[in-house]
Amino acid sequence: MKRWFLWMLLLLSFSFAVCGQNKIRIVEYNVENYFDCTDDTLTNDDDFTPKGNRAWTPQRYIKKQMAIAKVIAALAEWQTPALIGLVEVENKKCLDDLLVYGPLKSFGYKYIHFDSPDRRGIDVALAYDQKQFKPLKAEPLVVTMDNDPDFATRDVLYVKGVVSSKDTLHVYLCHFPSRWGGAGVSEPKRICAAQTLKQHYDSLCMAHKRPLVLIMGDFNDTPQNRSIYHILGAQPPQAAVFPNHLYNLMWQVYEKGDGTHKYQGEWSCLDQFIVSGAMLDPQSALTTSVDKITIFQPSFMLLEDVRYGGVQPFRTYRGWKYEGGYSDHLPVFIDLTIQ
């Protein structure tokens, strides 16, 4: 894998000399339990230590870094992604070991990350290429529940930045609460996360007439679930769009039965891109469309699904068994055109 990886880096370096910057690529990737090997006494990360139930050794940690790097290098094609939304990252050490000192060092990524109150200690982080994106503002949006003061989950990350020195893009990166305990029982938690995001978005729209907004992440809900469809109001893209309405670009993928995560033989479209209507206007400074969405699913990230048929993501763990794969989610990316 090392030789393949170096070859890919060479191609990417060459691409900057020959390719124009009339588009940018944005990636969202739930990397599945990217923990370091050190026990954090303030979080429930004991399983991911050398003596923990998952025997998370330095060797497995390094292999995980290389796996994430291989995926990012492969989906870059001829241009380094401008933004990479990473989900299920434990802390800054993991990000430094991957982006600053490790296998993606030559890409020159910086990142934005805030420690969240999540009990397991997993967060979201936004890596950005300084040549393509200049952050102006970043803040964590804390998700709370009025009837449960002990509730703790990942923050929603909000980042405002300038793309290719031309126009402002507002980015939200999410990892909504899981379906642990059942989809129905856990739904109020995801609704709270969606309400937190929607309140901030509504305030943004009051300050800007036509904000260019991209919402991405692992929502642990599908496009038709209440948190996405009703609370956020993210509708299927239509012939006529309104600048400040939200549109879910994963609807066609969802309706075809494709997805980014497979559970008991069924694919679910949990990882999504949602945009403001202004992003679908061909006259906007930054624009995109439904056909600019791709679920990245190369053969090396898939295994045969012996039990249910077809294929499934090649995971790091299946249950408690270490498989040494990539993730239980497939990454998704979207291309934006710069006018």
Protein backbone atom coordinates (compact mmCIF):
# COMPACT_ATOMS: atom_id res chain seq x y z
CA MET A 1 0.00 0.00 0.00
CA LYS A 2 2.92 2.36 0.67
CA ARG A 3 4.15 2.25 -2.95
CA TRP A 4 0.61 2.81 -4.26
CA PHE A 5 0.17 5.73 -1.88
CA LEU A 6 3.41 7.46 -2.95
CA TRP A 7 2.42 7.07 -6.58
CA MET A 8 -0.92 8.71 -5.89
CA LEU A 9 0.76 11.63 -4.12
CA LEU A 10 2.98 12.17 -7.18
CA LEU A 11 -0.05 12.30 -9.45
CA LEU A 12 -1.81 14.78 -7.19
CA SER A 13 1.24 17.04 -7.07
CA PHE A 14 1.39 17.00 -10.87
CA SER A 15 -2.32 17.74 -11.15
CA PHE A 16 -1.99 21.15 -9.53
CA ALA A 17 0.32 22.19 -12.33
CA VAL A 18 -1.98 21.13 -15.16
CA CYS A 19 -5.55 21.43 -13.87
CA GLY A 20 -7.60 24.58 -13.58
CA GLN A 21 -9.35 25.56 -10.39
CA ASN A 22 -12.87 25.91 -11.81
CA LYS A 23 -14.25 23.38 -9.35
CA ILE A 24 -13.68 22.12 -5.85
CA ARG A 25 -14.40 18.76 -4.31
CA ILE A 26 -15.86 18.33 -0.83
CA VAL A 27 -15.78 14.99 0.97
CA GLU A 28 -17.71 13.61 3.94
CA TYR A 29 -16.39 10.43 5.52
CA ASN A 30 -17.39 8.62 8.69
CA VAL A 31 -14.08 6.90 9.39
CA GLU A 32 -15.49 4.58 12.10
CA ASN A 33 -13.91 4.83 15.53
CA TYR A 34 -10.68 6.64 14.76
CA PHE A 35 -9.31 6.52 18.32
CA ASP A 36 -5.77 6.90 19.56
CA CYS A 37 -4.40 4.24 21.92
CA THR A 38 -4.39 6.32 25.10
CA ASP A 39 -7.08 6.04 27.76
CA ASP A 40 -8.88 9.34 28.33
CA THR A 41 -10.20 9.25 31.88
CA LEU A 42 -12.92 11.77 31.01
CA THR A 43 -14.53 9.69 28.25
CA ASN A 44 -15.71 6.14 27.65
CA ASP A 45 -12.88 5.11 25.33
CA ASP A 46 -11.51 2.19 27.37
CA ASP A 47 -12.29 -0.37 24.66
CA PHE A 48 -9.92 1.39 22.27
CA THR A 49 -6.73 0.89 24.26
CA PRO A 50 -4.13 -1.90 24.05
CA LYS A 51 -5.61 -3.61 27.10
CA GLY A 52 -9.21 -2.82 26.20
CA ASN A 53 -11.83 -5.17 24.79
CA ARG A 54 -10.89 -4.27 21.22
CA ALA A 55 -7.13 -4.57 21.80
CA TRP A 56 -6.51 -1.28 20.03
CA THR A 57 -2.73 -1.41 19.63
CA PRO A 58 -0.36 1.16 18.09
CA GLN A 59 -0.02 -1.15 15.07
CA ARG A 60 -3.79 -1.14 14.50
CA TYR A 61 -3.89 2.62 15.03
CA ILE A 62 -1.23 3.20 12.36
CA LYS A 63 -2.96 0.81 9.98
CA LYS A 64 -6.16 2.82 10.47
CA GLN A 65 -4.35 6.04 9.56
CA MET A 66 -2.99 4.49 6.38
CA ALA A 67 -6.45 3.20 5.47
CA ILE A 68 -8.04 6.65 5.83
CA ALA A 69 -5.20 8.23 3.85
CA LYS A 70 -5.54 5.68 1.05
CA VAL A 71 -9.25 6.44 0.69
CA ILE A 72 -8.70 10.21 0.59
CA ALA A 73 -5.88 9.90 -1.94
CA ALA A 74 -7.95 7.59 -4.14
CA LEU A 75 -11.07 9.77 -4.26
CA ALA A 76 -9.04 12.91 -4.94
CA GLU A 77 -8.51 11.83 -8.57
CA TRP A 78 -6.84 14.88 -10.18
CA GLN A 79 -7.44 17.46 -7.47
CA THR A 80 -6.98 17.43 -3.73
CA PRO A 81 -10.36 17.85 -1.99
CA ALA A 82 -10.82 21.39 -0.73
CA LEU A 83 -12.73 20.22 2.35
CA ILE A 84 -12.94 16.86 4.11
CA GLY A 85 -15.56 16.38 6.78
CA LEU A 86 -14.27 13.66 9.10
CA VAL A 87 -16.73 11.95 11.43
CA GLU A 88 -15.91 9.74 14.45
CA VAL A 89 -12.50 11.22 15.24
CA GLU A 90 -11.43 11.11 18.89
CA ASN A 91 -9.17 14.13 19.28
CA LYS A 92 -6.51 16.48 17.95
CA LYS A 93 -3.80 13.85 18.33
CA CYS A 94 -5.59 11.63 15.83
CA LEU A 95 -5.90 14.55 13.42
CA ASP A 96 -2.25 15.57 13.84
CA ASP A 97 -1.08 12.00 13.32
CA LEU A 98 -3.09 11.77 10.11
CA LEU A 99 -2.82 15.24 8.58
CA VAL A 100 0.19 17.03 10.08
CA TYR A 101 2.83 14.37 10.80
CA GLY A 102 1.46 11.26 9.12
CA PRO A 103 0.50 9.86 5.73
CA LEU A 104 -1.32 12.99 4.49
CA LYS A 105 1.40 15.43 5.55
CA SER A 106 2.36 16.33 1.97
CA PHE A 107 -1.20 17.42 1.21
CA GLY A 108 -0.75 20.42 3.51
CA TYR A 109 -4.14 20.20 5.20
CA LYS A 110 -5.11 22.30 8.19
CA TYR A 111 -8.12 21.38 10.28
CA ILE A 112 -10.86 22.76 12.51
CA HIS A 113 -11.89 20.74 15.53
CA PHE A 114 -13.55 21.32 18.88
CA ASP A 115 -13.79 18.82 21.73
CA SER A 116 -17.44 17.91 22.20
CA PRO A 117 -19.21 16.55 25.31
CA ASP A 118 -19.85 13.20 23.61
CA ARG A 119 -19.52 10.42 26.18
CA ARG A 120 -17.31 8.27 23.95
CA GLY A 121 -15.16 11.26 23.10
CA ILE A 122 -15.76 11.15 19.35
CA ASP A 123 -16.03 14.40 17.41
CA VAL A 124 -16.27 15.81 13.92
CA ALA A 125 -13.47 17.75 12.25
CA LEU A 126 -13.13 19.72 9.03
CA ALA A 127 -9.84 19.41 7.14
CA TYR A 128 -9.23 22.12 4.56
CA ASP A 129 -6.75 22.86 1.78
CA GLN A 130 -5.45 26.39 2.37
CA LYS A 131 -5.07 26.99 -1.36
CA GLN A 132 -8.78 26.42 -1.95
CA PHE A 133 -10.51 27.44 1.28
CA LYS A 134 -9.80 30.21 3.79
CA PRO A 135 -11.79 29.89 7.04
CA LEU A 136 -13.15 33.12 8.50
CA LYS A 137 -15.18 31.82 11.41
CA ALA A 138 -15.76 28.53 13.20
CA GLU A 139 -17.87 27.52 16.16
CA PRO A 140 -19.39 24.40 17.73
CA LEU A 141 -23.17 24.33 18.06
CA VAL A 142 -23.91 22.46 21.28
CA VAL A 143 -26.88 20.07 21.16
CA THR A 144 -28.95 19.82 24.36
CA MET A 145 -32.27 18.34 25.47
CA ASP A 146 -34.47 20.35 27.85
CA ASN A 147 -35.95 17.25 29.46
CA ASP A 148 -32.60 15.46 29.86
CA PRO A 149 -29.87 17.62 31.42
CA ASP A 150 -27.43 14.69 31.32
CA PHE A 151 -27.75 14.25 27.55
CA ALA A 152 -24.41 14.64 25.74
CA THR A 153 -23.61 14.21 22.07
CA ARG A 154 -21.44 15.58 19.30
CA ASP A 155 -21.60 19.29 18.49
CA VAL A 156 -22.62 20.49 15.05
CA LEU A 157 -19.58 22.21 13.55
CA TYR A 158 -20.20 25.48 11.73
CA VAL A 159 -17.46 26.97 9.52
CA LYS A 160 -17.63 30.08 7.35
CA GLY A 161 -14.93 30.53 4.74
CA VAL A 162 -13.94 31.89 1.34
CA VAL A 163 -13.59 29.50 -1.59
CA SER A 164 -10.73 30.19 -4.01
CA SER A 165 -10.70 33.87 -2.96
CA LYS A 166 -14.08 34.38 -4.63
CA ASP A 167 -17.14 33.83 -2.49
CA THR A 168 -18.25 32.81 0.98
CA LEU A 169 -19.40 29.28 1.76
CA HIS A 170 -21.15 28.33 4.99
CA VAL A 171 -20.48 24.72 6.01
CA TYR A 172 -22.20 22.63 8.68
CA LEU A 173 -20.68 19.26 9.61
CA CYS A 174 -22.91 16.91 11.58
CA HIS A 175 -22.91 13.57 13.37
CA PHE A 176 -26.40 13.21 14.75
CA PRO A 177 -27.02 10.87 17.73
CA SER A 178 -27.03 7.17 16.91
CA ARG A 179 -29.96 4.78 16.74
CA TRP A 180 -28.76 2.88 19.78
CA GLY A 181 -31.80 1.44 21.56
CA GLY A 182 -33.96 1.63 18.42
CA ALA A 183 -34.76 4.23 15.77
CA GLY A 184 -38.02 5.30 17.42
CA VAL A 185 -36.68 5.55 20.95
CA SER A 186 -33.60 7.52 19.88
CA GLU A 187 -35.37 9.79 17.37
CA PRO A 188 -35.95 12.70 19.83
CA LYS A 189 -32.18 13.04 20.17
CA ARG A 190 -31.71 13.48 16.45
CA ILE A 191 -34.62 15.89 16.34
CA CYS A 192 -32.85 18.03 18.97
CA ALA A 193 -29.71 18.03 16.83
CA ALA A 194 -31.73 19.04 13.78
CA GLN A 195 -33.46 21.83 15.72
CA THR A 196 -30.09 23.19 16.85
CA LEU A 197 -28.87 23.24 13.27
CA LYS A 198 -32.09 24.73 11.89
CA GLN A 199 -32.13 27.54 14.44
CA HIS A 200 -28.60 28.56 13.45
CA TYR A 201 -29.43 28.28 9.75
CA ASP A 202 -32.54 30.46 10.13
CA SER A 203 -30.44 33.12 11.87
CA LEU A 204 -27.94 32.93 9.02
CA CYS A 205 -30.70 33.47 6.48
CA MET A 206 -31.88 36.56 8.37
CA ALA A 207 -28.40 38.05 7.99
CA HIS A 208 -27.85 36.96 4.37
CA LYS A 209 -30.38 37.05 1.53
CA ARG A 210 -28.86 34.24 -0.52
CA PRO A 211 -26.36 32.34 1.61
CA LEU A 212 -24.34 29.61 -0.06
CA VAL A 213 -24.77 26.78 2.44
CA LEU A 214 -23.59 23.18 2.47
CA ILE A 215 -24.71 20.80 5.23
CA MET A 216 -23.03 17.41 5.38
CA GLY A 217 -22.47 14.54 7.74
CA ASP A 218 -23.70 11.26 9.13
CA PHE A 219 -27.27 12.02 10.22
CA ASN A 220 -28.13 8.50 11.41
CA ASP A 221 -31.42 9.15 9.62
CA THR A 222 -32.45 8.84 5.99
CA PRO A 223 -33.73 11.73 3.85
CA GLN A 224 -37.37 10.95 4.61
CA ASN A 225 -36.97 10.76 8.41
CA ARG A 226 -38.47 13.46 10.57
CA SER A 227 -35.22 15.14 11.64
CA ILE A 228 -34.19 15.73 8.01
CA TYR A 229 -37.43 16.11 6.10
CA HIS A 230 -39.62 17.90 8.64
CA ILE A 231 -37.32 19.66 11.12
CA LEU A 232 -34.62 20.78 8.68
CA GLY A 233 -37.16 20.95 5.88
CA ALA A 234 -34.69 19.45 3.41
CA GLN A 235 -36.80 18.63 0.36
CA PRO A 236 -36.00 16.78 -2.86
CA PRO A 237 -34.47 19.08 -5.50
CA GLN A 238 -37.16 20.55 -7.74
CA ALA A 239 -37.40 22.43 -11.02
CA ALA A 240 -38.05 25.67 -9.14
CA VAL A 241 -36.00 26.30 -6.02
CA PHE A 242 -36.04 29.05 -3.42
CA PRO A 243 -32.68 30.54 -2.38
CA ASN A 244 -33.11 30.02 1.37
CA HIS A 245 -34.91 26.67 1.31
CA LEU A 246 -32.91 23.51 1.95
CA TYR A 247 -32.64 20.69 -0.59
CA ASN A 248 -31.34 17.18 0.02
CA LEU A 249 -29.16 16.08 -2.88
CA MET A 250 -29.21 12.45 -1.73
CA TRP A 251 -32.89 11.89 -2.52
CA GLN A 252 -32.29 10.11 -5.82
CA VAL A 253 -29.68 7.88 -4.20
CA TYR A 254 -32.11 7.09 -1.39
CA GLU A 255 -35.01 6.34 -3.74
CA LYS A 256 -32.85 3.94 -5.77
CA GLY A 257 -32.09 1.98 -2.62
CA ASP A 258 -28.40 2.83 -2.61
CA GLY A 259 -26.62 4.03 0.48
CA THR A 260 -23.47 4.60 2.49
CA HIS A 261 -24.09 2.14 5.34
CA LYS A 262 -25.42 -1.43 5.33
CA TYR A 263 -27.26 -3.04 8.23
CA GLN A 264 -28.77 -6.53 8.12
CA GLY A 265 -28.64 -6.62 4.35
CA GLU A 266 -30.18 -3.17 3.72
CA TRP A 267 -28.34 -0.11 2.51
CA SER A 268 -29.21 3.18 4.24
CA CYS A 269 -28.43 6.66 3.00
CA LEU A 270 -27.18 8.04 6.33
CA ASP A 271 -24.42 10.26 4.94
CA GLN A 272 -25.91 13.18 3.07
CA PHE A 273 -25.30 16.53 1.40
CA ILE A 274 -27.94 19.21 1.90
CA VAL A 275 -27.65 22.63 0.25
CA SER A 276 -29.42 25.96 0.24
CA GLY A 277 -31.40 26.75 -2.89
CA ALA A 278 -28.86 29.40 -3.85
CA MET A 279 -26.33 26.61 -4.42
CA LEU A 280 -28.59 25.14 -7.12
CA ASP A 281 -28.81 28.42 -9.04
CA PRO A 282 -26.51 28.23 -12.10
CA GLN A 283 -25.90 31.97 -11.74
CA SER A 284 -24.44 31.69 -8.23
CA ALA A 285 -20.71 32.09 -7.61
CA LEU A 286 -20.69 28.50 -6.31
CA THR A 287 -23.12 26.03 -7.75
CA THR A 288 -23.79 22.31 -7.82
CA SER A 289 -26.46 19.81 -8.79
CA VAL A 290 -27.74 16.32 -8.03
CA ASP A 291 -25.46 14.72 -10.61
CA LYS A 292 -22.39 16.10 -8.82
CA ILE A 293 -22.88 13.67 -5.91
CA THR A 294 -20.90 10.42 -5.74
CA ILE A 295 -20.79 7.59 -3.23
CA PHE A 296 -17.19 6.43 -3.36
CA GLN A 297 -17.16 2.64 -3.44
CA PRO A 298 -13.98 1.19 -4.94
CA SER A 299 -13.53 -2.56 -4.72
CA PHE A 300 -10.87 -2.33 -2.00
CA MET A 301 -13.43 -0.78 0.38
CA LEU A 302 -15.96 -3.60 -0.11
CA LEU A 303 -16.34 -7.23 0.91
CA GLU A 304 -18.74 -9.92 -0.21
CA ASP A 305 -21.84 -10.01 1.98
CA VAL A 306 -22.03 -13.76 2.50
CA ARG A 307 -25.14 -13.67 4.66
CA TYR A 308 -27.37 -11.22 2.79
CA GLY A 309 -25.87 -11.13 -0.68
CA GLY A 310 -24.14 -8.41 -2.65
CA VAL A 311 -21.34 -6.47 -1.04
CA GLN A 312 -20.82 -4.60 2.21
CA PRO A 313 -18.30 -2.07 3.55
CA PHE A 314 -14.95 -3.52 4.61
CA ARG A 315 -15.02 -2.45 8.25
CA THR A 316 -12.40 -1.99 10.94
CA TYR A 317 -14.44 -4.17 13.28
CA ARG A 318 -17.43 -6.41 12.74
CA GLY A 319 -18.98 -6.66 16.13
CA TRP A 320 -16.02 -7.37 18.39
CA LYS A 321 -13.98 -9.04 15.67
CA TYR A 322 -11.11 -7.03 14.22
CA GLU A 323 -11.18 -7.10 10.40
CA GLY A 324 -8.63 -4.38 9.66
CA GLY A 325 -10.70 -2.68 6.98
CA TYR A 326 -11.62 0.91 6.31
CA SER A 327 -14.98 1.87 7.82
CA ASP A 328 -18.58 0.76 8.20
CA HIS A 329 -19.53 3.80 6.08
CA LEU A 330 -18.66 4.66 2.49
CA PRO A 331 -17.49 8.23 1.87
CA VAL A 332 -19.46 10.62 -0.29
CA PHE A 333 -18.25 13.63 -2.21
CA ILE A 334 -19.74 16.55 -4.08
CA ASP A 335 -18.18 18.81 -6.72
CA LEU A 336 -18.90 22.53 -6.70
CA THR A 337 -18.41 24.69 -9.79
CA ILE A 338 -16.77 28.08 -9.33
CA GLN A 339 -18.21 30.67 -11.70
